[in-house]
Amino acid sequence: MMNTEIFKSLTVEQFALLGMRDVAYVKDVRVEGQAAYAIHSADGNAVAVLANRDVAFATVRQNELEPVSVH
């Protein structure tokens, strides 16, 4: 079982930073009427826009991050 006691002592700011260095989000977007896939860092900053979902996920993994799909 996971020890959750450590989470009870985190501030809101500390909790928000969890996973910041490990996760990137991939979101469906439209660019000039075409489907594309935006990569965002965990804090919401746009990093890249790619035409192919698989390439977007591969790009995230190549940068040693875990991709998460946003709907």
C-alpha atoms as a PDB file:
ATOM      1  CA  MET A   1       0.000   0.000   0.000  1.00  0.00           C
ATOM      2  CA  MET A   2       1.216   3.508  -0.828  1.00  0.00           C
ATOM      3  CA  ASN A   3       2.128   5.819   2.038  1.00  0.00           C
ATOM      4  CA  THR A   4       0.024   8.931   1.447  1.00  0.00           C
ATOM      5  CA  GLU A   5       1.000  10.821   4.606  1.00  0.00           C
ATOM      6  CA  ILE A   6       3.637  12.863   2.745  1.00  0.00           C
ATOM      7  CA  PHE A   7       0.954  14.356   0.489  1.00  0.00           C
ATOM      8  CA  LYS A   8      -0.977  15.737   3.459  1.00  0.00           C
ATOM      9  CA  SER A   9       1.909  18.057   4.343  1.00  0.00           C
ATOM     10  CA  LEU A  10       2.370  19.544   0.842  1.00  0.00           C
ATOM     11  CA  THR A  11       1.382  23.106   0.120  1.00  0.00           C
ATOM     12  CA  VAL A  12      -0.841  23.813  -2.892  1.00  0.00           C
ATOM     13  CA  GLU A  13       2.224  25.099  -4.752  1.00  0.00           C
ATOM     14  CA  GLN A  14       4.280  21.986  -3.946  1.00  0.00           C
ATOM     15  CA  PHE A  15       1.417  19.720  -5.002  1.00  0.00           C
ATOM     16  CA  ALA A  16       1.107  21.575  -8.329  1.00  0.00           C
ATOM     17  CA  LEU A  17       4.772  20.910  -9.057  1.00  0.00           C
ATOM     18  CA  LEU A  18       4.436  17.122  -8.731  1.00  0.00           C
ATOM     19  CA  GLY A  19       5.272  15.487 -12.034  1.00  0.00           C
ATOM     20  CA  MET A  20       6.450  18.731 -13.655  1.00  0.00           C
ATOM     21  CA  ARG A  21       9.723  17.146 -14.732  1.00  0.00           C
ATOM     22  CA  ASP A  22       8.180  13.863 -15.863  1.00  0.00           C
ATOM     23  CA  VAL A  23       5.073  14.605 -17.928  1.00  0.00           C
ATOM     24  CA  ALA A  24       4.196  16.315 -21.205  1.00  0.00           C
ATOM     25  CA  TYR A  25       0.683  16.623 -22.596  1.00  0.00           C
ATOM     26  CA  VAL A  26      -0.362  15.953 -26.194  1.00  0.00           C
ATOM     27  CA  LYS A  27      -3.516  17.725 -27.327  1.00  0.00           C
ATOM     28  CA  ASP A  28      -5.477  17.643 -30.595  1.00  0.00           C
ATOM     29  CA  VAL A  29      -5.432  21.078 -32.239  1.00  0.00           C
ATOM     30  CA  ARG A  30      -6.202  22.613 -35.628  1.00  0.00           C
ATOM     31  CA  VAL A  31      -3.611  24.683 -37.460  1.00  0.00           C
ATOM     32  CA  GLU A  32      -4.786  26.488 -40.585  1.00  0.00           C
ATOM     33  CA  GLY A  33      -7.726  24.083 -40.780  1.00  0.00           C
ATOM     34  CA  GLN A  34      -5.543  20.969 -40.525  1.00  0.00           C
ATOM     35  CA  ALA A  35      -5.466  18.461 -37.659  1.00  0.00           C
ATOM     36  CA  ALA A  36      -2.275  18.648 -35.605  1.00  0.00           C
ATOM     37  CA  TYR A  37      -0.974  17.642 -32.174  1.00  0.00           C
ATOM     38  CA  ALA A  38       0.394  20.174 -29.713  1.00  0.00           C
ATOM     39  CA  ILE A  39       2.891  19.185 -27.054  1.00  0.00           C
ATOM     40  CA  HIS A  40       2.612  21.112 -23.792  1.00  0.00           C
ATOM     41  CA  SER A  41       4.846  20.998 -20.748  1.00  0.00           C
ATOM     42  CA  ALA A  42       3.192  20.109 -17.460  1.00  0.00           C
ATOM     43  CA  ASP A  43       2.773  23.803 -16.615  1.00  0.00           C
ATOM     44  CA  GLY A  44       0.771  24.347 -19.818  1.00  0.00           C
ATOM     45  CA  ASN A  45       3.409  26.023 -21.984  1.00  0.00           C
ATOM     46  CA  ALA A  46       3.231  25.023 -25.649  1.00  0.00           C
ATOM     47  CA  VAL A  47       6.459  23.321 -26.728  1.00  0.00           C
ATOM     48  CA  ALA A  48       5.768  22.058 -30.265  1.00  0.00           C
ATOM     49  CA  VAL A  49       3.055  21.317 -32.804  1.00  0.00           C
ATOM     50  CA  LEU A  50       3.377  18.226 -35.005  1.00  0.00           C
ATOM     51  CA  ALA A  51       1.212  16.841 -37.774  1.00  0.00           C
ATOM     52  CA  ASN A  52       1.204  13.247 -36.512  1.00  0.00           C
ATOM     53  CA  ARG A  53       0.061  11.939 -33.107  1.00  0.00           C
ATOM     54  CA  ASP A  54       2.537   9.042 -33.067  1.00  0.00           C
ATOM     55  CA  VAL A  55       5.399  11.418 -33.853  1.00  0.00           C
ATOM     56  CA  ALA A  56       4.247  13.745 -31.060  1.00  0.00           C
ATOM     57  CA  PHE A  57       4.259  10.877 -28.554  1.00  0.00           C
ATOM     58  CA  ALA A  58       7.651   9.653 -29.807  1.00  0.00           C
ATOM     59  CA  THR A  59       9.052  13.165 -29.469  1.00  0.00           C
ATOM     60  CA  VAL A  60       7.886  13.364 -25.861  1.00  0.00           C
ATOM     61  CA  ARG A  61       9.436   9.965 -25.070  1.00  0.00           C
ATOM     62  CA  GLN A  62      12.714  10.903 -26.797  1.00  0.00           C
ATOM     63  CA  ASN A  63      12.961  13.731 -24.311  1.00  0.00           C
ATOM     64  CA  GLU A  64      12.587  11.263 -21.443  1.00  0.00           C
ATOM     65  CA  LEU A  65       9.085  12.403 -20.525  1.00  0.00           C
ATOM     66  CA  GLU A  66       5.849  10.491 -20.188  1.00  0.00           C
ATOM     67  CA  PRO A  67       3.230  11.567 -22.734  1.00  0.00           C
ATOM     68  CA  VAL A  68      -0.348  12.076 -21.564  1.00  0.00           C
ATOM     69  CA  SER A  69      -3.207  12.569 -24.004  1.00  0.00           C
ATOM     70  CA  VAL A  70      -5.513  15.517 -23.347  1.00  0.00           C
ATOM     71  CA  HIS A  71      -9.054  15.390 -24.739  1.00  0.00           C
END
